N, C-alpha and C. Protein backbone atom coordinates (compact mmCIF):
# COMPACT_ATOMS: atom_id res chain seq x y z
N MET A 1 48.76 -20.12 -16.93
CA MET A 1 48.06 -19.99 -17.94
C MET A 1 48.78 -19.59 -18.80
N LEU A 2 49.15 -20.80 -19.84
CA LEU A 2 49.33 -20.11 -21.84
C LEU A 2 48.98 -20.61 -22.67
N ALA A 3 47.78 -19.82 -23.07
CA ALA A 3 46.75 -19.86 -24.05
C ALA A 3 47.28 -19.76 -25.65
N ILE A 4 47.40 -20.88 -26.49
CA ILE A 4 47.94 -20.71 -28.36
C ILE A 4 46.47 -20.51 -28.74
N SER A 5 46.54 -19.69 -29.51
CA SER A 5 45.40 -19.67 -30.51
C SER A 5 45.64 -20.28 -31.27
N LYS A 6 44.25 -21.30 -32.51
CA LYS A 6 44.85 -21.92 -33.59
C LYS A 6 44.55 -20.90 -34.33
N GLY A 7 45.59 -22.08 -35.73
CA GLY A 7 45.72 -21.68 -36.66
C GLY A 7 47.67 -21.93 -37.23
N ARG A 8 47.95 -21.19 -38.61
CA ARG A 8 49.54 -22.26 -39.17
C ARG A 8 50.16 -20.87 -38.04
N ARG A 9 51.53 -21.92 -38.02
CA ARG A 9 52.41 -21.56 -36.99
C ARG A 9 53.86 -21.53 -38.19
N PRO A 10 53.46 -20.23 -39.14
CA PRO A 10 54.99 -20.86 -39.95
C PRO A 10 56.66 -20.12 -40.07
N GLY A 11 57.07 -20.72 -39.80
CA GLY A 11 58.66 -20.40 -39.32
C GLY A 11 59.19 -21.12 -37.96
N LEU A 12 57.96 -21.84 -37.53
CA LEU A 12 58.45 -22.19 -36.10
C LEU A 12 59.09 -23.84 -35.93
N ALA A 13 59.30 -24.53 -37.20
CA ALA A 13 59.99 -25.13 -37.16
C ALA A 13 61.02 -25.71 -36.18
N GLY A 14 61.50 -26.50 -35.61
CA GLY A 14 63.10 -26.39 -35.56
C GLY A 14 62.96 -25.11 -34.26
N MET A 15 62.84 -24.81 -33.83
CA MET A 15 63.52 -24.28 -32.93
C MET A 15 62.60 -24.22 -31.33
N GLY A 16 63.65 -23.74 -30.40
CA GLY A 16 63.27 -24.47 -29.34
C GLY A 16 62.29 -23.29 -28.81
N SER A 17 61.67 -24.42 -26.92
CA SER A 17 61.07 -23.89 -26.52
C SER A 17 61.01 -22.89 -26.65
N PHE A 18 61.77 -21.88 -25.53
CA PHE A 18 61.71 -20.86 -25.00
C PHE A 18 61.71 -19.64 -26.58
N ALA A 19 61.98 -19.53 -27.38
CA ALA A 19 62.02 -18.91 -29.08
C ALA A 19 61.01 -19.69 -28.95
N VAL A 20 60.28 -20.42 -28.69
CA VAL A 20 58.91 -20.87 -29.87
C VAL A 20 58.21 -19.88 -28.64
N LEU A 21 58.03 -19.86 -27.44
CA LEU A 21 57.08 -18.93 -26.27
C LEU A 21 57.71 -18.06 -27.10
N ARG A 22 58.33 -17.20 -27.03
CA ARG A 22 58.29 -15.40 -27.36
C ARG A 22 58.20 -15.24 -28.50
N ARG A 23 58.06 -16.08 -29.34
CA ARG A 23 57.46 -15.87 -31.23
C ARG A 23 56.10 -15.25 -31.13
N LEU A 24 56.08 -16.27 -29.85
CA LEU A 24 54.35 -17.02 -30.56
C LEU A 24 53.88 -15.38 -29.67
N ARG A 25 54.37 -14.88 -28.09
CA ARG A 25 54.22 -14.07 -27.26
C ARG A 25 54.48 -12.44 -28.80
N MET A 26 55.36 -12.84 -28.94
CA MET A 26 55.27 -11.52 -30.73
C MET A 26 54.26 -11.39 -30.84
N THR A 27 53.62 -12.75 -31.31
CA THR A 27 52.52 -12.22 -32.32
C THR A 27 50.59 -12.69 -31.81
N GLY A 28 51.08 -12.75 -30.63
CA GLY A 28 49.74 -11.80 -29.95
C GLY A 28 49.17 -13.30 -29.92
N ARG A 29 50.25 -14.90 -30.35
CA ARG A 29 49.20 -16.48 -29.97
C ARG A 29 49.56 -17.18 -28.97
N VAL A 30 50.21 -15.75 -27.74
CA VAL A 30 50.12 -16.76 -26.80
C VAL A 30 49.84 -15.77 -26.26
N ARG A 31 48.79 -16.39 -24.49
CA ARG A 31 47.70 -15.26 -23.94
C ARG A 31 48.81 -15.35 -22.91
N TYR A 32 48.93 -14.39 -21.47
CA TYR A 32 49.09 -14.82 -19.67
C TYR A 32 47.99 -15.00 -19.46
N ASP A 33 47.50 -15.69 -18.65
CA ASP A 33 46.83 -15.01 -17.34
C ASP A 33 47.10 -16.17 -16.51
N PRO A 34 48.15 -15.77 -15.14
CA PRO A 34 48.34 -15.93 -14.15
C PRO A 34 46.84 -17.14 -12.95
N GLY A 35 46.43 -16.04 -13.59
CA GLY A 35 44.87 -15.85 -11.91
C GLY A 35 44.49 -18.11 -12.93
N SER A 36 45.03 -17.83 -13.64
CA SER A 36 44.14 -19.35 -14.54
C SER A 36 45.41 -20.79 -14.49
N MET A 37 46.26 -20.42 -14.05
CA MET A 37 47.80 -21.15 -13.62
C MET A 37 47.08 -22.47 -12.95
N ASP A 38 47.10 -23.48 -13.03
CA ASP A 38 47.90 -24.57 -12.31
C ASP A 38 47.75 -24.13 -10.79
N GLU A 39 48.19 -24.65 -9.87
CA GLU A 39 49.52 -24.18 -8.66
C GLU A 39 50.41 -25.42 -9.04
N SER A 40 49.84 -26.97 -9.89
CA SER A 40 51.07 -27.91 -9.32
C SER A 40 52.66 -27.37 -10.38
N MET A 41 51.50 -26.16 -11.51
CA MET A 41 52.25 -26.37 -12.60
C MET A 41 53.26 -24.90 -12.23
N VAL A 42 53.17 -24.01 -11.22
CA VAL A 42 53.88 -22.68 -11.17
C VAL A 42 55.19 -23.14 -10.96
N ILE A 43 55.90 -21.99 -11.36
CA ILE A 43 58.06 -22.45 -11.11
C ILE A 43 58.27 -21.21 -9.79
N ARG A 44 58.25 -21.92 -9.18
CA ARG A 44 59.05 -20.93 -8.75
C ARG A 44 60.72 -21.74 -8.12
N ALA A 45 61.11 -20.17 -8.29
CA ALA A 45 62.82 -20.11 -8.87
C ALA A 45 63.48 -19.48 -7.80
N THR A 46 64.88 -19.58 -7.22
CA THR A 46 65.06 -18.47 -7.18
C THR A 46 65.67 -17.96 -5.79
N THR A 47 66.88 -17.39 -5.45
CA THR A 47 67.13 -16.42 -3.79
C THR A 47 68.85 -15.40 -4.84
N VAL A 48 68.73 -14.23 -4.85
CA VAL A 48 69.86 -13.81 -5.42
C VAL A 48 70.26 -12.51 -4.51
N LEU A 49 70.73 -12.08 -4.21
CA LEU A 49 71.19 -11.33 -3.49
C LEU A 49 72.47 -10.49 -4.15
N CYS A 50 72.46 -8.77 -3.51
CA CYS A 50 72.94 -8.29 -4.19
C CYS A 50 73.91 -7.45 -3.39
N VAL A 51 75.25 -7.49 -2.86
CA VAL A 51 75.64 -6.68 -1.41
C VAL A 51 77.43 -5.64 -1.69
N ARG A 52 76.56 -3.94 -1.28
CA ARG A 52 78.42 -4.62 -1.70
C ARG A 52 79.42 -3.37 -0.56
N ARG A 53 80.32 -3.71 -0.39
CA ARG A 53 80.81 -3.09 1.04
C ARG A 53 82.64 -2.73 0.88
N ASP A 54 82.44 -1.33 1.28
CA ASP A 54 84.00 -1.47 0.87
C ASP A 54 84.64 -1.25 -0.05
N GLY A 55 83.37 -0.75 -1.06
CA GLY A 55 84.50 -0.50 -2.28
C GLY A 55 84.32 -1.75 -3.56
N ALA A 56 83.42 -2.99 -3.21
CA ALA A 56 83.52 -3.50 -3.67
C ALA A 56 81.62 -4.53 -3.85
N VAL A 57 81.17 -4.83 -4.83
CA VAL A 57 79.96 -5.78 -4.80
C VAL A 57 80.20 -7.28 -5.50
N ALA A 58 79.08 -7.57 -5.22
CA ALA A 58 79.13 -9.04 -5.25
C ALA A 58 77.77 -10.06 -5.30
N MET A 59 77.52 -10.41 -6.07
CA MET A 59 75.87 -10.88 -6.12
C MET A 59 75.93 -12.32 -5.73
N ALA A 60 74.99 -13.05 -5.44
CA ALA A 60 75.18 -14.63 -4.85
C ALA A 60 73.20 -14.59 -5.57
N GLY A 61 73.91 -15.91 -6.00
CA GLY A 61 72.43 -16.62 -6.49
C GLY A 61 72.11 -18.65 -6.17
N ASP A 62 71.49 -18.76 -5.59
CA ASP A 62 71.35 -20.12 -6.28
C ASP A 62 71.20 -21.00 -7.28
N GLY A 63 70.66 -22.40 -6.74
CA GLY A 63 70.58 -23.36 -8.15
C GLY A 63 69.43 -24.06 -8.32
N GLN A 64 68.97 -23.95 -7.73
CA GLN A 64 67.37 -24.12 -7.40
C GLN A 64 66.12 -24.49 -8.45
N VAL A 65 66.17 -25.20 -9.13
CA VAL A 65 64.30 -24.89 -9.60
C VAL A 65 62.97 -26.10 -9.52
N THR A 66 62.10 -25.12 -9.67
CA THR A 66 61.17 -26.43 -8.37
C THR A 66 59.75 -25.25 -9.67
N VAL A 67 59.07 -27.16 -9.62
CA VAL A 67 58.33 -27.23 -10.84
C VAL A 67 56.90 -27.93 -9.64
N GLY A 68 55.74 -27.12 -8.87
CA GLY A 68 54.87 -27.35 -8.30
C GLY A 68 55.28 -28.36 -6.90
N THR A 69 55.96 -29.26 -6.66
CA THR A 69 56.00 -30.26 -5.51
C THR A 69 57.76 -30.47 -6.64
N THR A 70 57.80 -30.25 -7.56
CA THR A 70 59.17 -31.41 -7.51
C THR A 70 60.30 -30.31 -7.70
N VAL A 71 61.55 -30.66 -7.39
CA VAL A 71 62.51 -29.21 -7.57
C VAL A 71 63.26 -30.52 -8.66
N MET A 72 63.26 -30.13 -9.70
CA MET A 72 64.08 -30.21 -11.93
C MET A 72 65.29 -29.31 -12.18
N LYS A 73 65.68 -28.56 -11.02
CA LYS A 73 67.54 -28.81 -11.65
C LYS A 73 68.03 -28.16 -10.30
N HIS A 74 69.36 -28.37 -9.29
CA HIS A 74 70.07 -28.00 -8.21
C HIS A 74 71.06 -26.78 -9.06
N GLY A 75 72.11 -26.95 -10.26
CA GLY A 75 72.15 -25.67 -9.98
C GLY A 75 72.07 -25.08 -11.78
N ALA A 76 71.21 -24.52 -11.40
CA ALA A 76 70.86 -23.08 -12.44
C ALA A 76 71.86 -22.50 -12.41
N ALA A 77 72.19 -21.48 -13.15
CA ALA A 77 73.02 -20.47 -12.92
C ALA A 77 72.05 -19.41 -13.51
N LYS A 78 71.39 -18.72 -12.37
CA LYS A 78 71.45 -17.24 -11.60
C LYS A 78 72.00 -15.71 -11.60
N VAL A 79 73.06 -15.89 -12.13
CA VAL A 79 73.84 -14.40 -11.80
C VAL A 79 75.36 -14.58 -12.89
N ARG A 80 75.13 -13.62 -13.68
CA ARG A 80 76.11 -13.35 -14.68
C ARG A 80 76.85 -12.50 -14.89
N ARG A 81 77.87 -13.03 -15.47
CA ARG A 81 79.13 -11.16 -16.33
C ARG A 81 78.29 -10.58 -17.42
N LEU A 82 78.18 -9.27 -17.63
CA LEU A 82 78.06 -9.20 -19.58
C LEU A 82 78.41 -7.26 -18.93
N TYR A 83 78.62 -7.77 -20.30
CA TYR A 83 79.68 -6.00 -20.91
C TYR A 83 80.91 -6.47 -20.73
N HIS A 84 81.46 -6.93 -21.01
CA HIS A 84 83.15 -7.62 -21.26
C HIS A 84 83.15 -7.33 -18.76
N ASP A 85 81.96 -8.04 -18.57
CA ASP A 85 82.76 -8.72 -17.56
C ASP A 85 82.43 -7.09 -16.52
N LYS A 86 82.70 -6.02 -16.63
CA LYS A 86 82.14 -5.14 -16.05
C LYS A 86 81.54 -4.84 -15.57
N ILE A 87 79.89 -5.36 -15.58
CA ILE A 87 78.40 -5.69 -15.06
C ILE A 87 77.95 -6.58 -14.40
N LEU A 88 77.31 -6.77 -13.37
CA LEU A 88 77.03 -8.14 -12.88
C LEU A 88 75.33 -7.69 -12.59
N ALA A 89 74.80 -8.82 -12.94
CA ALA A 89 73.41 -9.15 -13.65
C ALA A 89 72.79 -10.43 -12.75
N GLY A 90 71.40 -10.71 -12.41
CA GLY A 90 70.88 -11.50 -11.62
C GLY A 90 69.13 -11.50 -11.73
N PHE A 91 68.96 -12.74 -12.12
CA PHE A 91 67.56 -12.36 -12.16
C PHE A 91 66.17 -13.50 -11.30
N ALA A 92 65.95 -12.88 -11.06
CA ALA A 92 63.86 -13.73 -10.68
C ALA A 92 62.60 -14.48 -11.13
N GLY A 93 62.29 -15.13 -11.18
CA GLY A 93 61.05 -15.17 -12.14
C GLY A 93 61.28 -16.62 -13.09
N SER A 94 60.03 -15.93 -14.56
CA SER A 94 60.79 -17.46 -15.59
C SER A 94 61.67 -17.43 -16.34
N ALA A 95 62.42 -18.45 -15.93
CA ALA A 95 63.63 -18.74 -17.06
C ALA A 95 63.48 -17.65 -18.89
N ALA A 96 62.59 -17.97 -19.10
CA ALA A 96 62.17 -18.03 -20.67
C ALA A 96 62.31 -16.32 -20.44
N ASP A 97 61.59 -15.68 -19.77
CA ASP A 97 61.40 -13.92 -19.67
C ASP A 97 62.74 -13.69 -18.75
N ALA A 98 63.44 -13.23 -18.22
CA ALA A 98 64.25 -13.92 -17.40
C ALA A 98 65.52 -13.68 -18.71
N PHE A 99 65.84 -14.80 -19.27
CA PHE A 99 66.55 -14.67 -21.26
C PHE A 99 66.11 -13.39 -21.80
N ALA A 100 64.63 -13.21 -22.56
CA ALA A 100 64.84 -12.15 -22.59
C ALA A 100 64.48 -10.84 -22.44
N LEU A 101 64.56 -10.95 -21.22
CA LEU A 101 65.15 -9.69 -20.71
C LEU A 101 66.95 -9.31 -20.50
N PHE A 102 67.09 -10.42 -19.90
CA PHE A 102 68.86 -10.36 -20.55
C PHE A 102 68.97 -9.72 -22.13
N SER A 103 68.42 -10.45 -23.09
CA SER A 103 69.19 -9.91 -24.12
C SER A 103 69.01 -8.22 -24.41
N ARG A 104 67.56 -8.33 -23.23
CA ARG A 104 67.05 -6.26 -23.44
C ARG A 104 68.32 -5.88 -22.77
N PHE A 105 68.08 -5.97 -22.19
CA PHE A 105 69.25 -5.20 -21.51
C PHE A 105 70.75 -5.18 -21.91
N GLU A 106 71.50 -5.83 -22.54
CA GLU A 106 72.87 -6.47 -23.40
C GLU A 106 72.72 -5.71 -24.13
N ALA A 107 71.59 -5.51 -25.00
CA ALA A 107 71.42 -4.80 -26.43
C ALA A 107 71.46 -3.62 -26.25
N LYS A 108 70.90 -3.23 -25.04
CA LYS A 108 71.01 -1.45 -24.21
C LYS A 108 71.98 -1.29 -24.07
N LEU A 109 73.37 -1.91 -23.11
CA LEU A 109 74.59 -1.64 -23.11
C LEU A 109 74.92 -1.62 -23.94
N GLU A 110 74.96 -2.39 -25.34
CA GLU A 110 75.45 -2.26 -26.77
C GLU A 110 75.37 -1.68 -26.70
N GLU A 111 74.43 -0.36 -26.73
CA GLU A 111 73.48 0.49 -27.60
C GLU A 111 74.52 1.93 -26.11
N TYR A 112 74.05 1.82 -26.18
CA TYR A 112 74.88 3.12 -24.82
C TYR A 112 76.54 2.80 -24.83
N ARG A 113 77.90 2.38 -24.46
CA ARG A 113 78.71 1.81 -24.46
C ARG A 113 78.83 1.80 -22.77
N GLY A 114 77.44 0.78 -22.95
CA GLY A 114 78.38 -0.01 -20.76
C GLY A 114 77.62 1.62 -20.62
N ASN A 115 77.25 2.36 -20.48
CA ASN A 115 76.67 3.09 -19.36
C ASN A 115 75.53 2.67 -18.17
N MET A 116 75.33 1.58 -17.31
CA MET A 116 74.41 1.08 -16.72
C MET A 116 73.57 1.36 -16.77
N GLU A 117 73.49 2.70 -15.62
CA GLU A 117 72.00 3.83 -16.04
C GLU A 117 71.32 4.54 -16.77
N ARG A 118 72.19 4.33 -17.73
CA ARG A 118 70.98 4.69 -19.10
C ARG A 118 71.16 3.70 -19.90
N SER A 119 71.46 2.69 -19.38
CA SER A 119 70.33 1.43 -19.79
C SER A 119 69.43 0.91 -18.80
N VAL A 120 69.59 0.93 -17.87
CA VAL A 120 68.22 0.04 -16.76
C VAL A 120 67.15 1.24 -16.90
N VAL A 121 67.90 2.60 -17.31
CA VAL A 121 66.61 3.82 -17.31
C VAL A 121 65.57 3.84 -18.42
N GLU A 122 66.80 3.37 -19.48
CA GLU A 122 65.44 2.73 -20.91
C GLU A 122 64.80 1.70 -20.73
N LEU A 123 65.50 0.39 -20.62
CA LEU A 123 65.11 -0.96 -20.16
C LEU A 123 64.07 -0.20 -19.62
N ALA A 124 63.61 0.49 -18.13
CA ALA A 124 62.44 0.58 -17.31
C ALA A 124 61.63 1.30 -17.91
N LYS A 125 62.01 2.40 -19.00
CA LYS A 125 60.63 2.95 -20.29
C LYS A 125 60.39 1.50 -20.41
N ASP A 126 61.09 1.30 -20.95
CA ASP A 126 60.42 -0.45 -22.83
C ASP A 126 59.63 -1.39 -21.29
N TRP A 127 59.92 -1.15 -20.42
CA TRP A 127 59.17 -2.89 -19.60
C TRP A 127 57.97 -2.07 -19.41
N ARG A 128 57.40 -0.95 -19.20
CA ARG A 128 56.52 0.04 -18.70
C ARG A 128 56.04 0.13 -20.19
N MET A 129 56.12 -0.01 -21.23
CA MET A 129 55.78 0.86 -22.20
C MET A 129 54.86 -0.36 -23.07
N ASP A 130 55.92 -1.26 -23.86
CA ASP A 130 55.54 -2.05 -24.79
C ASP A 130 54.76 -3.71 -24.27
N LYS A 131 53.69 -2.98 -24.84
CA LYS A 131 52.85 -4.53 -24.27
C LYS A 131 53.40 -6.35 -24.70
N TYR A 132 54.84 -6.35 -25.15
CA TYR A 132 55.41 -7.39 -24.76
C TYR A 132 56.27 -7.55 -23.63
N LEU A 133 56.64 -6.82 -23.45
CA LEU A 133 57.74 -7.22 -21.72
C LEU A 133 56.93 -6.46 -21.26
N ARG A 134 55.70 -6.30 -20.97
CA ARG A 134 54.67 -6.10 -20.34
C ARG A 134 54.12 -8.03 -19.13
N GLN A 135 54.01 -8.80 -19.91
CA GLN A 135 53.53 -9.78 -20.14
C GLN A 135 55.18 -10.83 -19.20
N LEU A 136 56.08 -10.11 -19.48
CA LEU A 136 57.50 -11.38 -18.62
C LEU A 136 56.81 -10.95 -17.52
N GLN A 137 57.38 -12.10 -16.72
CA GLN A 137 57.32 -12.41 -15.80
C GLN A 137 58.48 -12.05 -14.37
N ALA A 138 59.26 -11.34 -14.68
CA ALA A 138 60.94 -11.47 -13.44
C ALA A 138 61.19 -10.03 -12.96
N PHE A 139 62.19 -10.60 -12.20
CA PHE A 139 62.48 -9.56 -11.47
C PHE A 139 64.19 -9.37 -12.06
N LEU A 140 65.02 -8.60 -11.80
CA LEU A 140 66.34 -8.09 -12.79
C LEU A 140 66.98 -7.42 -12.05
N ILE A 141 67.60 -7.55 -10.76
CA ILE A 141 69.38 -6.69 -10.06
C ILE A 141 70.69 -7.14 -11.54
N VAL A 142 71.05 -5.67 -11.28
CA VAL A 142 72.21 -5.67 -12.16
C VAL A 142 72.77 -4.04 -11.75
N ALA A 143 74.19 -4.17 -11.33
CA ALA A 143 75.17 -4.38 -10.98
C ALA A 143 76.76 -3.60 -11.84
N ASN A 144 77.36 -2.59 -11.69
CA ASN A 144 78.48 -2.30 -11.85
C ASN A 144 78.95 -2.21 -10.46
N ALA A 145 80.57 -1.03 -10.74
CA ALA A 145 81.44 -0.88 -9.64
C ALA A 145 81.10 0.40 -8.24
N GLU A 146 79.86 0.84 -8.95
CA GLU A 146 79.10 2.00 -8.80
C GLU A 146 78.64 1.98 -7.64
N ARG A 147 77.51 1.44 -8.64
CA ARG A 147 75.62 1.27 -8.46
C ARG A 147 74.93 0.06 -8.00
N ALA A 148 74.19 -0.36 -7.93
CA ALA A 148 73.35 -1.50 -8.33
C ALA A 148 71.89 -0.80 -7.48
N TYR A 149 70.87 -1.71 -9.37
CA TYR A 149 69.79 -2.02 -9.76
C TYR A 149 68.45 -2.51 -9.25
N LEU A 150 67.49 -2.42 -9.01
CA LEU A 150 66.70 -3.56 -9.17
C LEU A 150 65.26 -3.16 -10.11
N ILE A 151 65.50 -3.91 -11.34
CA ILE A 151 64.67 -3.57 -12.25
C ILE A 151 62.77 -4.85 -12.29
N SER A 152 61.56 -3.98 -11.74
CA SER A 152 60.60 -4.71 -11.41
C SER A 152 59.89 -5.31 -12.23
N GLY A 153 59.51 -6.11 -11.97
CA GLY A 153 58.19 -6.71 -13.99
C GLY A 153 57.74 -5.04 -13.87
N THR A 154 56.60 -4.12 -13.42
CA THR A 154 55.98 -3.04 -13.44
C THR A 154 56.67 -1.69 -14.13
N GLY A 155 58.03 -2.58 -14.59
CA GLY A 155 58.91 -1.23 -14.98
C GLY A 155 59.43 0.17 -13.76
N ASP A 156 59.58 -0.63 -12.55
CA ASP A 156 59.38 0.18 -11.56
C ASP A 156 61.18 -0.11 -11.07
N LEU A 157 62.47 1.25 -10.72
CA LEU A 157 63.33 1.16 -10.85
C LEU A 157 64.30 1.71 -9.55
N ILE A 158 64.82 0.56 -8.96
CA ILE A 158 65.13 0.69 -7.20
C ILE A 158 66.05 0.95 -6.62
N GLN A 159 67.02 1.98 -6.07
CA GLN A 159 68.30 1.88 -5.83
C GLN A 159 68.62 1.18 -4.61
N PRO A 160 69.51 1.18 -3.88
CA PRO A 160 69.36 0.88 -2.20
C PRO A 160 69.73 1.68 -1.19
N ASP A 161 69.36 2.01 -0.47
CA ASP A 161 69.82 2.46 0.52
C ASP A 161 71.57 2.83 1.29
N ASP A 162 71.15 1.08 1.65
CA ASP A 162 72.05 0.41 2.43
C ASP A 162 73.29 -0.42 1.65
N GLY A 163 73.09 -0.16 0.23
CA GLY A 163 74.66 -1.26 -0.46
C GLY A 163 73.48 -2.77 0.00
N ILE A 164 71.90 -3.18 -0.21
CA ILE A 164 71.86 -4.42 -0.34
C ILE A 164 70.28 -4.59 -1.50
N LEU A 165 70.79 -5.87 -2.19
CA LEU A 165 68.73 -5.55 -2.93
C LEU A 165 69.39 -7.16 -2.80
N ALA A 166 67.72 -7.56 -2.36
CA ALA A 166 67.13 -8.98 -2.46
C ALA A 166 66.20 -9.43 -3.94
N ILE A 167 66.04 -10.28 -3.96
CA ILE A 167 64.75 -10.95 -5.03
C ILE A 167 64.66 -12.16 -5.14
N GLY A 168 63.75 -13.33 -5.26
CA GLY A 168 62.97 -14.48 -5.66
C GLY A 168 61.99 -14.57 -4.33
N SER A 169 61.81 -15.52 -4.14
CA SER A 169 61.59 -16.88 -2.96
C SER A 169 62.16 -16.68 -2.17
N GLY A 170 63.26 -16.09 -1.54
CA GLY A 170 63.64 -16.38 -0.42
C GLY A 170 64.77 -15.09 -0.15
N GLY A 171 64.14 -14.16 -1.25
CA GLY A 171 64.73 -12.45 -0.72
C GLY A 171 64.68 -11.72 0.73
N PRO A 172 63.54 -12.01 1.47
CA PRO A 172 63.65 -11.43 2.50
C PRO A 172 64.81 -12.00 3.91
N TYR A 173 64.38 -13.18 3.56
CA TYR A 173 65.97 -13.79 4.30
C TYR A 173 66.89 -13.70 4.55
N ALA A 174 67.20 -13.61 2.61
CA ALA A 174 68.73 -13.22 1.90
C ALA A 174 68.94 -11.66 2.78
N LEU A 175 67.95 -10.80 2.36
CA LEU A 175 68.27 -9.36 2.47
C LEU A 175 68.27 -9.23 4.83
N ALA A 176 67.56 -9.87 5.17
CA ALA A 176 67.75 -9.81 6.42
C ALA A 176 68.43 -10.46 6.96
N ALA A 177 69.34 -11.56 7.14
CA ALA A 177 70.53 -11.76 7.35
C ALA A 177 72.08 -11.15 6.34
N ALA A 178 71.67 -10.45 5.53
CA ALA A 178 72.97 -9.89 4.79
C ALA A 178 72.70 -8.22 5.69
N ARG A 179 71.91 -7.77 6.08
CA ARG A 179 72.14 -7.03 6.51
C ARG A 179 72.55 -6.96 7.88
N ALA A 180 72.02 -8.13 8.59
CA ALA A 180 72.56 -8.08 10.21
C ALA A 180 74.13 -8.15 10.15
N LEU A 181 74.36 -9.11 8.93
CA LEU A 181 76.42 -9.41 8.92
C LEU A 181 76.86 -8.23 8.71
N MET A 182 75.71 -7.60 7.95
CA MET A 182 77.06 -5.76 7.14
C MET A 182 77.07 -5.43 8.85
N LYS A 183 76.49 -5.34 9.31
CA LYS A 183 76.05 -4.61 10.69
C LYS A 183 76.81 -5.24 12.43
N HIS A 184 77.31 -6.14 11.78
CA HIS A 184 78.26 -7.20 13.24
C HIS A 184 79.02 -7.85 13.20
N SER A 185 79.19 -8.29 11.38
CA SER A 185 80.53 -8.73 11.22
C SER A 185 81.50 -7.17 10.28
N GLU A 186 82.83 -7.93 10.70
CA GLU A 186 83.74 -7.49 9.35
C GLU A 186 84.05 -8.14 7.83
N MET A 187 82.99 -8.86 7.80
CA MET A 187 82.99 -10.17 6.96
C MET A 187 83.09 -8.77 5.16
N SER A 188 83.30 -9.66 3.90
CA SER A 188 83.36 -8.83 2.41
C SER A 188 82.55 -9.02 1.80
N ALA A 189 82.21 -8.57 0.82
CA ALA A 189 81.09 -8.57 0.12
C ALA A 189 80.68 -9.91 -0.04
N ALA A 190 81.13 -10.57 -0.45
CA ALA A 190 81.69 -11.82 -1.15
C ALA A 190 81.00 -12.84 -0.07
N ALA A 191 81.92 -12.44 1.40
CA ALA A 191 81.57 -13.79 2.07
C ALA A 191 80.00 -13.36 2.60
N ILE A 192 79.82 -12.07 2.88
CA ILE A 192 78.49 -11.46 3.34
C ILE A 192 77.22 -12.29 2.03
N ALA A 193 77.40 -11.92 1.57
CA ALA A 193 76.81 -12.47 0.04
C ALA A 193 76.31 -13.98 -0.13
N GLU A 194 77.50 -14.51 0.10
CA GLU A 194 77.48 -16.42 -0.03
C GLU A 194 76.70 -16.42 1.36
N GLU A 195 77.56 -16.23 2.65
CA GLU A 195 76.15 -16.42 3.94
C GLU A 195 74.78 -16.41 4.27
N ALA A 196 74.21 -15.46 3.53
CA ALA A 196 73.01 -14.95 3.09
C ALA A 196 72.32 -15.28 2.91
N LEU A 197 73.01 -16.09 1.98
CA LEU A 197 72.50 -16.79 1.20
C LEU A 197 72.02 -18.58 1.63
N ARG A 198 73.03 -18.77 1.73
CA ARG A 198 72.95 -19.56 2.95
C ARG A 198 71.83 -19.96 3.88
N ILE A 199 71.64 -18.95 4.78
CA ILE A 199 70.92 -18.84 5.91
C ILE A 199 69.56 -18.80 5.59
N ALA A 200 68.92 -18.03 3.84
CA ALA A 200 68.56 -18.02 3.23
C ALA A 200 67.86 -19.44 2.69
N ALA A 201 68.74 -20.61 2.59
CA ALA A 201 68.15 -22.05 1.57
C ALA A 201 68.15 -22.69 3.36
N SER A 202 68.33 -22.83 4.19
CA SER A 202 67.79 -23.04 5.60
C SER A 202 66.41 -22.88 6.10
N ILE A 203 65.91 -21.64 5.35
CA ILE A 203 64.65 -21.40 5.48
C ILE A 203 64.00 -21.29 4.68
N CYS A 204 63.44 -20.92 2.78
CA CYS A 204 62.76 -21.44 2.66
C CYS A 204 63.33 -22.70 1.71
N ILE A 205 62.70 -22.88 1.30
CA ILE A 205 61.87 -24.30 1.19
C ILE A 205 62.74 -24.47 -0.63
N TYR A 206 62.12 -23.04 -1.37
CA TYR A 206 62.22 -22.99 -2.78
C TYR A 206 63.90 -22.45 -3.17
N THR A 207 65.22 -22.36 -2.12
CA THR A 207 66.63 -21.99 -2.33
C THR A 207 66.81 -23.18 -2.35
N ASN A 208 68.85 -23.85 -2.80
CA ASN A 208 68.92 -24.08 -2.09
C ASN A 208 70.98 -23.61 -1.89
N ASP A 209 71.55 -24.55 -1.48
CA ASP A 209 72.53 -23.97 -1.46
C ASP A 209 73.92 -24.66 -1.91
N GLN A 210 73.08 -24.74 -3.42
CA GLN A 210 74.14 -24.15 -4.28
C GLN A 210 74.75 -23.27 -5.57
N ILE A 211 74.97 -22.47 -4.41
CA ILE A 211 75.53 -20.79 -4.79
C ILE A 211 76.35 -20.31 -5.55
N THR A 212 76.09 -19.80 -5.94
CA THR A 212 76.86 -18.42 -7.45
C THR A 212 77.20 -17.65 -6.73
N VAL A 213 78.81 -16.65 -6.90
CA VAL A 213 79.02 -16.25 -5.72
C VAL A 213 79.76 -15.35 -7.21
N GLU A 214 79.17 -13.86 -8.01
CA GLU A 214 80.01 -13.43 -8.77
C GLU A 214 80.91 -12.27 -8.20
N SER A 215 81.66 -11.84 -8.87
CA SER A 215 82.65 -10.04 -7.05
C SER A 215 82.96 -8.76 -8.56
N LEU A 216 82.89 -7.51 -8.31
CA LEU A 216 83.61 -6.68 -8.58
C LEU A 216 84.39 -6.26 -8.19
């Protein structure tokens, strides 16, 4: 639940709702209390899967956004390319929080000239130590041609042993499907990512089959 303190809020006129929430959070006028959130207003969304095979990496995400018992959007873009199309990133969680993280991560990439490893380490440090970032409810998967990382909301940084990462409501199903396809097929990384996500969509009610796949 978001609680906004009373008082004047100068400078907010004309700002979008996401920008307003970010500004209010940064000034302390918004408090996030997940324990008091109405179940009907919980936003459930996203399955994002990253697969690496034979020197190629692919990231796939579904398009469904669900609020309570209502599907609000079918074609949300949850996977994108960053830093001159050299890095893939996908998010799970609140859209506003995820975009805030994207902005932070892109800033780190620019600061460290595209060094993804240094960027994710610094972002994880900030996420753990910064009071504002600790309130963000999101997960992030980032990948380049050599490595992939999962950055959690607690500031943890995880690198997979088998080249597969998954986040979101259908993440466990997509992860299991991708591991099976990796072991028992000769499919490419992109094909495994797409098929595993379709399998997850057939199981998880918060995941659909409108899938976006990006590859490097």
